[in-house]
Each structure stands twice: as C-alpha cells, then as structure tokens.
N, C-alpha and C. Protein backbone atom coordinates (compact mmCIF):
# COMPACT_ATOMS: atom_id res chain seq x y z
N MET A 1 16.24 -0.66 -6.53
CA MET A 1 15.50 -1.22 -5.41
C MET A 1 14.81 -0.08 -4.65
N PRO A 2 13.50 -0.10 -4.60
CA PRO A 2 12.77 0.94 -3.87
C PRO A 2 13.02 0.87 -2.36
N THR A 3 12.88 2.02 -1.72
CA THR A 3 13.04 2.13 -0.28
C THR A 3 11.75 2.71 0.31
N TRP A 4 11.72 2.80 1.64
CA TRP A 4 10.57 3.42 2.28
C TRP A 4 10.41 4.87 1.78
N ASN A 5 11.50 5.57 1.55
CA ASN A 5 11.41 6.94 1.03
C ASN A 5 10.72 6.97 -0.32
N ASP A 6 10.95 5.96 -1.15
CA ASP A 6 10.25 5.87 -2.44
C ASP A 6 8.76 5.62 -2.22
N VAL A 7 8.44 4.75 -1.27
CA VAL A 7 7.02 4.48 -0.95
C VAL A 7 6.34 5.78 -0.54
N VAL A 8 7.00 6.56 0.32
CA VAL A 8 6.44 7.83 0.77
C VAL A 8 6.26 8.78 -0.41
N ALA A 9 7.26 8.89 -1.27
CA ALA A 9 7.17 9.78 -2.43
C ALA A 9 6.02 9.38 -3.35
N ILE A 10 5.85 8.09 -3.57
CA ILE A 10 4.77 7.60 -4.43
C ILE A 10 3.42 7.85 -3.76
N GLY A 11 3.32 7.47 -2.51
CA GLY A 11 2.04 7.57 -1.80
C GLY A 11 1.57 9.00 -1.60
N THR A 12 2.48 9.90 -1.32
CA THR A 12 2.06 11.27 -1.05
C THR A 12 1.69 12.04 -2.32
N GLU A 13 1.82 11.41 -3.47
CA GLU A 13 1.30 11.99 -4.72
C GLU A 13 -0.21 11.79 -4.80
N LEU A 14 -0.74 10.88 -3.99
CA LEU A 14 -2.17 10.59 -3.99
C LEU A 14 -2.88 11.55 -3.03
N PRO A 15 -4.17 11.80 -3.27
CA PRO A 15 -4.91 12.76 -2.45
C PRO A 15 -4.99 12.39 -0.97
N GLU A 16 -4.79 13.40 -0.16
CA GLU A 16 -5.01 13.35 1.29
C GLU A 16 -4.21 12.27 2.00
N VAL A 17 -2.99 12.04 1.53
CA VAL A 17 -2.11 11.06 2.15
C VAL A 17 -1.15 11.79 3.07
N GLU A 18 -0.95 11.20 4.24
CA GLU A 18 0.00 11.75 5.20
C GLU A 18 0.90 10.64 5.72
N GLU A 19 2.12 11.02 6.02
CA GLU A 19 3.05 10.11 6.66
C GLU A 19 2.69 10.03 8.14
N SER A 20 2.68 8.82 8.68
CA SER A 20 2.27 8.64 10.06
C SER A 20 2.94 7.40 10.63
N THR A 21 2.32 6.81 11.64
CA THR A 21 2.77 5.53 12.18
C THR A 21 1.56 4.63 12.38
N SER A 22 1.81 3.35 12.40
CA SER A 22 0.79 2.35 12.68
C SER A 22 1.51 1.21 13.38
N TYR A 23 1.01 0.81 14.51
CA TYR A 23 1.67 -0.22 15.32
C TYR A 23 3.14 0.15 15.58
N ARG A 24 3.37 1.43 15.82
CA ARG A 24 4.70 1.97 16.12
C ARG A 24 5.70 1.80 14.97
N THR A 25 5.21 1.68 13.75
CA THR A 25 6.08 1.59 12.59
C THR A 25 5.65 2.65 11.57
N PRO A 26 6.55 3.05 10.68
CA PRO A 26 6.19 4.05 9.67
C PRO A 26 5.04 3.57 8.79
N SER A 27 4.13 4.50 8.50
CA SER A 27 3.00 4.15 7.64
C SER A 27 2.54 5.36 6.85
N LEU A 28 1.70 5.09 5.87
CA LEU A 28 1.00 6.12 5.13
C LEU A 28 -0.48 5.95 5.41
N LYS A 29 -1.17 7.08 5.58
CA LYS A 29 -2.60 7.04 5.86
C LYS A 29 -3.34 7.98 4.91
N VAL A 30 -4.56 7.57 4.57
CA VAL A 30 -5.46 8.41 3.82
C VAL A 30 -6.65 8.69 4.73
N ARG A 31 -6.88 9.96 5.00
CA ARG A 31 -7.93 10.39 5.94
C ARG A 31 -7.91 9.57 7.23
N GLY A 32 -6.71 9.36 7.75
CA GLY A 32 -6.55 8.70 9.04
C GLY A 32 -6.52 7.19 9.02
N THR A 33 -6.68 6.59 7.85
CA THR A 33 -6.69 5.13 7.73
C THR A 33 -5.41 4.66 7.05
N SER A 34 -4.71 3.76 7.70
CA SER A 34 -3.44 3.25 7.17
C SER A 34 -3.66 2.42 5.91
N PHE A 35 -2.78 2.65 4.92
CA PHE A 35 -2.83 1.83 3.70
C PHE A 35 -1.46 1.33 3.26
N ALA A 36 -0.43 1.66 3.98
CA ALA A 36 0.91 1.14 3.70
C ALA A 36 1.68 1.21 5.02
N ARG A 37 2.34 0.10 5.36
CA ARG A 37 3.08 0.08 6.61
C ARG A 37 4.39 -0.66 6.43
N LEU A 38 5.46 -0.02 6.85
CA LEU A 38 6.77 -0.65 6.80
C LEU A 38 6.89 -1.60 7.99
N ARG A 39 7.24 -2.82 7.71
CA ARG A 39 7.38 -3.82 8.77
C ARG A 39 8.83 -3.81 9.23
N ILE A 40 9.07 -3.18 10.35
CA ILE A 40 10.42 -3.06 10.91
C ILE A 40 11.01 -4.44 11.20
N GLU A 41 10.15 -5.34 11.67
CA GLU A 41 10.63 -6.68 12.02
C GLU A 41 11.03 -7.50 10.79
N ALA A 42 10.69 -7.03 9.61
CA ALA A 42 11.05 -7.72 8.37
C ALA A 42 11.67 -6.69 7.43
N GLU A 43 12.96 -6.50 7.53
CA GLU A 43 13.64 -5.46 6.76
C GLU A 43 13.24 -5.54 5.28
N GLY A 44 12.80 -4.40 4.76
CA GLY A 44 12.39 -4.34 3.36
C GLY A 44 10.97 -4.78 3.13
N GLY A 45 10.27 -5.19 4.19
CA GLY A 45 8.90 -5.67 4.04
C GLY A 45 7.89 -4.54 4.14
N LEU A 46 6.95 -4.52 3.23
CA LEU A 46 5.91 -3.51 3.18
C LEU A 46 4.57 -4.22 3.20
N MET A 47 3.67 -3.81 4.09
CA MET A 47 2.33 -4.38 4.14
C MET A 47 1.39 -3.44 3.40
N LEU A 48 0.65 -4.00 2.44
CA LEU A 48 -0.33 -3.24 1.68
C LEU A 48 -1.66 -3.98 1.72
N PRO A 49 -2.76 -3.31 2.03
CA PRO A 49 -4.06 -3.96 1.98
C PRO A 49 -4.46 -4.27 0.53
N CYS A 50 -5.18 -5.35 0.37
CA CYS A 50 -5.69 -5.73 -0.95
C CYS A 50 -6.87 -6.67 -0.75
N ARG A 51 -7.56 -6.95 -1.83
CA ARG A 51 -8.64 -7.93 -1.77
C ARG A 51 -8.02 -9.32 -1.62
N LEU A 52 -8.74 -10.22 -0.99
CA LEU A 52 -8.20 -11.58 -0.79
C LEU A 52 -7.91 -12.27 -2.11
N ASP A 53 -8.78 -12.08 -3.13
CA ASP A 53 -8.53 -12.73 -4.41
C ASP A 53 -7.26 -12.17 -5.07
N GLU A 54 -7.01 -10.89 -4.89
CA GLU A 54 -5.78 -10.29 -5.43
C GLU A 54 -4.56 -10.85 -4.70
N LYS A 55 -4.66 -10.99 -3.39
CA LYS A 55 -3.56 -11.56 -2.61
C LYS A 55 -3.25 -12.97 -3.10
N GLU A 56 -4.28 -13.78 -3.27
CA GLU A 56 -4.08 -15.16 -3.74
C GLU A 56 -3.41 -15.17 -5.11
N ALA A 57 -3.82 -14.28 -6.00
CA ALA A 57 -3.23 -14.22 -7.34
C ALA A 57 -1.76 -13.80 -7.28
N LEU A 58 -1.45 -12.82 -6.45
CA LEU A 58 -0.06 -12.37 -6.33
C LEU A 58 0.82 -13.48 -5.76
N LEU A 59 0.33 -14.18 -4.75
CA LEU A 59 1.11 -15.27 -4.17
C LEU A 59 1.26 -16.42 -5.16
N ALA A 60 0.20 -16.72 -5.91
CA ALA A 60 0.24 -17.81 -6.89
C ALA A 60 1.13 -17.50 -8.08
N SER A 61 1.42 -16.23 -8.31
CA SER A 61 2.24 -15.84 -9.46
C SER A 61 3.67 -16.37 -9.35
N GLY A 62 4.10 -16.67 -8.14
CA GLY A 62 5.47 -17.14 -7.95
C GLY A 62 6.49 -16.03 -7.90
N ASP A 63 6.04 -14.79 -8.02
CA ASP A 63 6.95 -13.64 -7.96
C ASP A 63 7.52 -13.57 -6.54
N PRO A 64 8.84 -13.61 -6.39
CA PRO A 64 9.44 -13.60 -5.05
C PRO A 64 9.26 -12.29 -4.28
N ALA A 65 8.73 -11.26 -4.93
CA ALA A 65 8.49 -9.99 -4.24
C ALA A 65 7.30 -10.09 -3.28
N PHE A 66 6.44 -11.10 -3.47
CA PHE A 66 5.21 -11.20 -2.68
C PHE A 66 5.27 -12.39 -1.74
N TYR A 67 4.85 -12.12 -0.51
CA TYR A 67 4.82 -13.19 0.49
C TYR A 67 3.79 -12.87 1.55
N THR A 68 3.61 -13.80 2.45
CA THR A 68 2.70 -13.60 3.57
C THR A 68 3.29 -14.32 4.77
N THR A 69 2.67 -14.14 5.90
CA THR A 69 3.06 -14.85 7.12
C THR A 69 1.78 -15.38 7.75
N PRO A 70 1.87 -16.32 8.67
CA PRO A 70 0.66 -16.83 9.32
C PRO A 70 -0.19 -15.72 9.95
N HIS A 71 0.44 -14.67 10.42
CA HIS A 71 -0.29 -13.54 11.01
C HIS A 71 -1.30 -12.95 10.02
N TYR A 72 -0.98 -12.97 8.74
CA TYR A 72 -1.85 -12.37 7.72
C TYR A 72 -2.73 -13.40 7.00
N ASP A 73 -2.72 -14.65 7.42
CA ASP A 73 -3.59 -15.65 6.81
C ASP A 73 -5.05 -15.23 6.94
N GLY A 74 -5.78 -15.28 5.83
CA GLY A 74 -7.19 -14.93 5.82
C GLY A 74 -7.46 -13.43 5.91
N TYR A 75 -6.42 -12.63 5.83
CA TYR A 75 -6.55 -11.18 5.94
C TYR A 75 -6.18 -10.55 4.61
N GLY A 76 -6.91 -9.54 4.22
CA GLY A 76 -6.68 -8.85 2.95
C GLY A 76 -5.48 -7.94 2.99
N ALA A 77 -4.30 -8.53 2.98
CA ALA A 77 -3.06 -7.76 2.95
C ALA A 77 -1.96 -8.61 2.32
N ILE A 78 -1.17 -7.97 1.50
CA ILE A 78 -0.03 -8.64 0.88
C ILE A 78 1.25 -8.02 1.45
N LEU A 79 2.25 -8.85 1.64
CA LEU A 79 3.56 -8.36 2.07
C LEU A 79 4.45 -8.29 0.84
N VAL A 80 5.18 -7.19 0.74
CA VAL A 80 6.01 -6.92 -0.43
C VAL A 80 7.46 -6.76 0.02
N ASP A 81 8.34 -7.53 -0.61
CA ASP A 81 9.78 -7.40 -0.35
C ASP A 81 10.29 -6.28 -1.25
N LEU A 82 10.62 -5.14 -0.66
CA LEU A 82 11.06 -3.98 -1.45
C LEU A 82 12.35 -4.24 -2.20
N THR A 83 13.13 -5.23 -1.78
CA THR A 83 14.38 -5.53 -2.49
C THR A 83 14.14 -6.32 -3.77
N LYS A 84 12.89 -6.77 -3.97
CA LYS A 84 12.60 -7.63 -5.12
C LYS A 84 11.50 -7.11 -6.04
N ILE A 85 11.10 -5.87 -5.86
CA ILE A 85 10.01 -5.34 -6.68
C ILE A 85 10.49 -4.13 -7.49
N GLY A 86 9.96 -3.99 -8.68
CA GLY A 86 10.28 -2.84 -9.51
C GLY A 86 9.42 -1.65 -9.16
N ARG A 87 9.92 -0.48 -9.48
CA ARG A 87 9.20 0.76 -9.13
C ARG A 87 7.82 0.83 -9.79
N ASP A 88 7.70 0.48 -11.06
CA ASP A 88 6.41 0.59 -11.75
C ASP A 88 5.35 -0.28 -11.08
N GLN A 89 5.74 -1.50 -10.73
CA GLN A 89 4.79 -2.39 -10.07
C GLN A 89 4.44 -1.86 -8.68
N LEU A 90 5.41 -1.30 -7.99
CA LEU A 90 5.17 -0.73 -6.67
C LEU A 90 4.19 0.44 -6.75
N VAL A 91 4.33 1.29 -7.75
CA VAL A 91 3.41 2.42 -7.93
C VAL A 91 1.98 1.89 -8.06
N GLU A 92 1.79 0.88 -8.87
CA GLU A 92 0.46 0.30 -9.08
C GLU A 92 -0.10 -0.28 -7.78
N LEU A 93 0.72 -1.00 -7.04
CA LEU A 93 0.27 -1.61 -5.79
C LEU A 93 -0.09 -0.57 -4.74
N ILE A 94 0.69 0.50 -4.66
CA ILE A 94 0.40 1.55 -3.68
C ILE A 94 -0.91 2.25 -4.03
N GLU A 95 -1.12 2.53 -5.31
CA GLU A 95 -2.39 3.16 -5.69
C GLU A 95 -3.56 2.22 -5.41
N ASP A 96 -3.40 0.94 -5.68
CA ASP A 96 -4.46 -0.03 -5.38
C ASP A 96 -4.76 -0.05 -3.88
N ALA A 97 -3.71 -0.02 -3.06
CA ALA A 97 -3.89 -0.03 -1.60
C ALA A 97 -4.60 1.24 -1.15
N TRP A 98 -4.22 2.38 -1.73
CA TRP A 98 -4.89 3.64 -1.42
C TRP A 98 -6.37 3.53 -1.75
N ARG A 99 -6.68 2.96 -2.90
CA ARG A 99 -8.08 2.79 -3.32
C ARG A 99 -8.86 1.90 -2.36
N GLU A 100 -8.19 0.90 -1.78
CA GLU A 100 -8.84 0.01 -0.81
C GLU A 100 -9.29 0.78 0.43
N LYS A 101 -8.56 1.82 0.81
CA LYS A 101 -8.83 2.50 2.07
C LYS A 101 -9.39 3.92 1.94
N ALA A 102 -9.24 4.54 0.79
CA ALA A 102 -9.76 5.90 0.61
C ALA A 102 -11.29 5.88 0.54
N PRO A 103 -11.93 6.91 1.07
CA PRO A 103 -13.38 6.99 0.96
C PRO A 103 -13.83 7.03 -0.50
N ALA A 104 -15.00 6.47 -0.77
CA ALA A 104 -15.52 6.38 -2.14
C ALA A 104 -15.60 7.75 -2.80
N ARG A 105 -16.02 8.75 -2.07
CA ARG A 105 -16.16 10.09 -2.65
C ARG A 105 -14.80 10.66 -3.07
N LEU A 106 -13.78 10.39 -2.28
CA LEU A 106 -12.43 10.86 -2.62
C LEU A 106 -11.90 10.12 -3.84
N ARG A 107 -12.12 8.80 -3.90
CA ARG A 107 -11.70 8.02 -5.09
C ARG A 107 -12.40 8.53 -6.34
N ALA A 108 -13.70 8.76 -6.25
CA ALA A 108 -14.47 9.24 -7.41
C ALA A 108 -13.97 10.60 -7.88
N ALA A 109 -13.69 11.49 -6.96
CA ALA A 109 -13.19 12.82 -7.33
C ALA A 109 -11.81 12.71 -7.97
N PHE A 110 -10.97 11.85 -7.42
CA PHE A 110 -9.63 11.64 -7.98
C PHE A 110 -9.73 11.08 -9.40
N ASP A 111 -10.58 10.07 -9.59
CA ASP A 111 -10.73 9.45 -10.90
C ASP A 111 -11.30 10.43 -11.94
N ALA A 112 -12.14 11.34 -11.48
CA ALA A 112 -12.75 12.31 -12.39
C ALA A 112 -11.83 13.50 -12.64
N GLY A 113 -10.66 13.50 -11.97
CA GLY A 113 -9.72 14.60 -12.16
C GLY A 113 -10.15 15.89 -11.49
N ARG A 114 -11.07 15.78 -10.54
CA ARG A 114 -11.54 16.99 -9.89
C ARG A 114 -11.29 16.93 -8.39
N TRP A 115 -10.25 16.25 -7.99
CA TRP A 115 -9.92 16.18 -6.57
C TRP A 115 -9.46 17.53 -6.08
N SER A 116 -9.91 17.87 -4.91
CA SER A 116 -9.40 19.06 -4.19
C SER A 116 -9.43 18.74 -2.70
N SER A 117 -8.74 19.51 -1.93
CA SER A 117 -8.65 19.23 -0.50
C SER A 117 -10.00 19.39 0.21
N SER A 118 -11.00 19.94 -0.45
CA SER A 118 -12.30 20.13 0.19
C SER A 118 -13.24 18.95 -0.03
N VAL A 119 -12.81 17.93 -0.78
CA VAL A 119 -13.68 16.77 -1.07
C VAL A 119 -13.86 15.96 0.18
C-alpha cells in the first residue's frame, strides 16, 4: 500500500518537482503549480489533476481506488485511495498529473531526454 512518502519519492523523480503545501496540506508542485495533494480530511486520499474524460473513464472502470466528491464535480481531478492502488498504477497517474501541470517546454525536454535545470 503506497503512502504519501511513496508519492513524494515518485514525484520528485520528475523534473523540477518540489515538496510543498496547497490548501494547508502536503503537496507536490512543478514550477510552483500543484499537481498532487494529500487530502488530510480523507485519510489515504490523494488528489491528482487529470482531463475530464480521463476522470470519467477511471470512475467508470469500477476500480475502488478511484472516487470523487461533489466538491470535484465538473473539475479535472481524480481522487485516489492510496490503500487501494498499486504502485505501478500510481507511478503512471503521478506522471500524468505532472504532465497536466508542467510547462510544455519542460515536458518536451523531459520526453526528449534532454531535461536540465536550465530548461
């Protein structure tokens, strides 16, 4: 079962990610923009941005790791129950969330294998 420490370890492998806070809760940010936030009010809950169509597909899959609340209705974010998700799937979701928020130039440099801190 992944923990917030696992989320941090996975996320900080991506370019220009820093541990921070968002809405007074632990988060990961890329160039100052949050892309992963631990929901303290929902133990084990992780908020990750995503496209609305991806959110709909994840919810429709019936996988109990994915859920939403009325607060996130119509918003491009999926809630992930860390007690019900595997590490491999979490890695993919975190990278997807990073891609949603990272600047295009940084994503392109990362994809081309030429990322450096000066991008």
